[in-house]
Amino acid sequence: MKIASLVVRARPECLDALGQTLLAIPGVELHGTNPALGRLIVTVEDGAGYSMADSLVAVSQSSQVLGVTLAYEYTDEGLAINEEYPAPLPVRAPTGCAAVAGGAQDKEA
């Protein structure tokens, strides 16, 4: 699974039309708008028959889009690691050095 969250900027008068355009792109969901600032919050998710990357490109190339900011990206690819790791090395006590109490400021000059 791959998912991304985007802030899409457009002219305020174009937000409704842009929202409908973006919803026609596979994997795109509209989560909020700010008409005063001309921004939409969308998520893009991959699915059967399309990739998140293709949908991201389609969002950024929509005619009413002035700019796109990637706010968050997640992928669960590579989380299942089937490698065997060696056991951690045992911690050994230091040899030849006595523990010193106090710091440099505690020593007499």
Protein backbone atom coordinates (compact mmCIF):
# COMPACT_ATOMS: atom_id res chain seq x y z
CA MET A 1 0.00 0.00 0.00
CA LYS A 2 1.18 3.48 -0.88
CA ILE A 3 -0.57 6.66 0.17
CA ALA A 4 0.25 10.36 -0.07
CA SER A 5 -1.35 13.54 1.22
CA LEU A 6 -1.19 16.67 -0.92
CA VAL A 7 -1.95 20.36 -0.60
CA VAL A 8 -3.17 21.47 -4.02
CA ARG A 9 -3.20 25.18 -4.80
CA ALA A 10 -5.57 26.76 -7.34
CA ARG A 11 -7.42 30.00 -7.94
CA PRO A 12 -10.32 30.22 -5.45
CA GLU A 13 -12.95 30.46 -8.19
CA CYS A 14 -11.68 27.17 -9.68
CA LEU A 15 -11.83 25.03 -6.52
CA ASP A 16 -15.20 23.39 -7.22
CA ALA A 17 -14.33 22.46 -10.80
CA LEU A 18 -10.88 21.29 -9.76
CA GLY A 19 -12.36 19.14 -6.99
CA GLN A 20 -14.55 17.33 -9.52
CA THR A 21 -11.59 16.90 -11.89
CA LEU A 22 -9.41 15.44 -9.14
CA LEU A 23 -12.10 13.02 -7.96
CA ALA A 24 -12.12 11.49 -11.47
CA ILE A 25 -8.45 10.45 -11.02
CA PRO A 26 -8.08 6.89 -9.65
CA GLY A 27 -7.19 6.75 -5.95
CA VAL A 28 -7.82 10.46 -5.25
CA GLU A 29 -10.03 11.54 -2.33
CA LEU A 30 -10.88 15.12 -1.40
CA HIS A 31 -10.68 15.89 2.33
CA GLY A 32 -11.06 19.64 2.61
CA THR A 33 -10.91 23.01 0.94
CA ASN A 34 -9.93 26.51 1.92
CA PRO A 35 -11.59 28.86 -0.57
CA ALA A 36 -9.97 31.95 0.93
CA LEU A 37 -6.48 30.58 0.25
CA GLY A 38 -7.33 28.51 -2.83
CA ARG A 39 -6.22 25.19 -1.36
CA LEU A 40 -7.53 21.63 -1.42
CA ILE A 41 -6.36 18.76 0.77
CA VAL A 42 -6.35 15.43 -1.04
CA THR A 43 -5.01 11.95 -0.52
CA VAL A 44 -3.81 9.67 -3.27
CA GLU A 45 -3.70 5.91 -2.78
CA ASP A 46 -2.57 3.15 -5.10
CA GLY A 47 -4.94 0.40 -6.13
CA ALA A 48 -5.55 -2.41 -8.58
CA GLY A 49 -4.71 -1.26 -12.10
CA TYR A 50 -3.15 2.10 -11.24
CA SER A 51 -0.19 3.40 -9.28
CA MET A 52 0.00 6.23 -6.79
CA ALA A 53 2.78 7.83 -8.84
CA ASP A 54 0.59 7.99 -11.97
CA SER A 55 -2.23 9.57 -9.98
CA LEU A 56 0.18 12.12 -8.44
CA VAL A 57 1.33 13.14 -11.90
CA ALA A 58 -2.29 13.42 -13.08
CA VAL A 59 -3.13 15.69 -10.11
CA SER A 60 -0.16 17.97 -10.74
CA GLN A 61 -0.92 18.21 -14.48
CA SER A 62 -4.59 19.14 -14.05
CA SER A 63 -5.25 22.40 -15.88
CA GLN A 64 -6.53 24.42 -12.87
CA VAL A 65 -3.64 23.41 -10.57
CA LEU A 66 -1.17 26.17 -9.74
CA GLY A 67 1.02 24.04 -7.46
CA VAL A 68 1.15 20.85 -5.42
CA THR A 69 2.92 20.25 -2.11
CA LEU A 70 3.56 16.73 -0.87
CA ALA A 71 2.63 16.81 2.82
CA TYR A 72 2.95 13.10 3.69
CA GLU A 73 3.91 9.84 2.03
CA TYR A 74 3.67 6.29 3.36
CA THR A 75 4.49 2.90 1.94
CA ASP A 76 4.43 -0.47 3.59
CA GLU A 77 6.71 -2.02 0.98
CA GLY A 78 9.79 -3.58 2.51
CA LEU A 79 8.36 -3.79 6.03
CA ALA A 80 8.44 -7.58 6.05
CA ILE A 81 12.11 -8.46 6.19
CA ASN A 82 12.84 -12.15 5.94
CA GLU A 83 16.52 -11.94 6.78
CA GLU A 84 18.09 -13.57 9.78
CA TYR A 85 20.14 -11.26 11.94
CA PRO A 86 22.96 -12.51 14.15
CA ALA A 87 22.52 -12.35 17.91
CA PRO A 88 23.81 -9.11 19.45
CA LEU A 89 27.29 -9.18 20.92
CA PRO A 90 27.43 -9.51 24.70
CA VAL A 91 28.28 -6.38 26.65
CA ARG A 92 31.58 -6.74 28.48
CA ALA A 93 32.73 -4.74 31.47
CA PRO A 94 35.72 -2.50 30.73
CA THR A 95 39.07 -3.89 31.87
CA GLY A 96 42.11 -2.02 33.11
CA CYS A 97 40.23 1.17 33.97
CA ALA A 98 38.76 1.91 37.34
CA ALA A 99 35.52 3.79 37.47
CA VAL A 100 36.12 7.39 38.44
CA ALA A 101 33.53 9.13 40.58
CA GLY A 102 32.84 12.79 39.92
CA GLY A 103 33.83 14.97 37.01
CA ALA A 104 36.67 17.28 36.11
CA GLN A 105 35.22 20.05 38.25
CA ASP A 106 35.55 17.81 41.36
CA LYS A 107 39.32 17.46 41.03
CA GLU A 108 41.68 19.83 42.83
CA ALA A 109 43.89 21.99 40.65
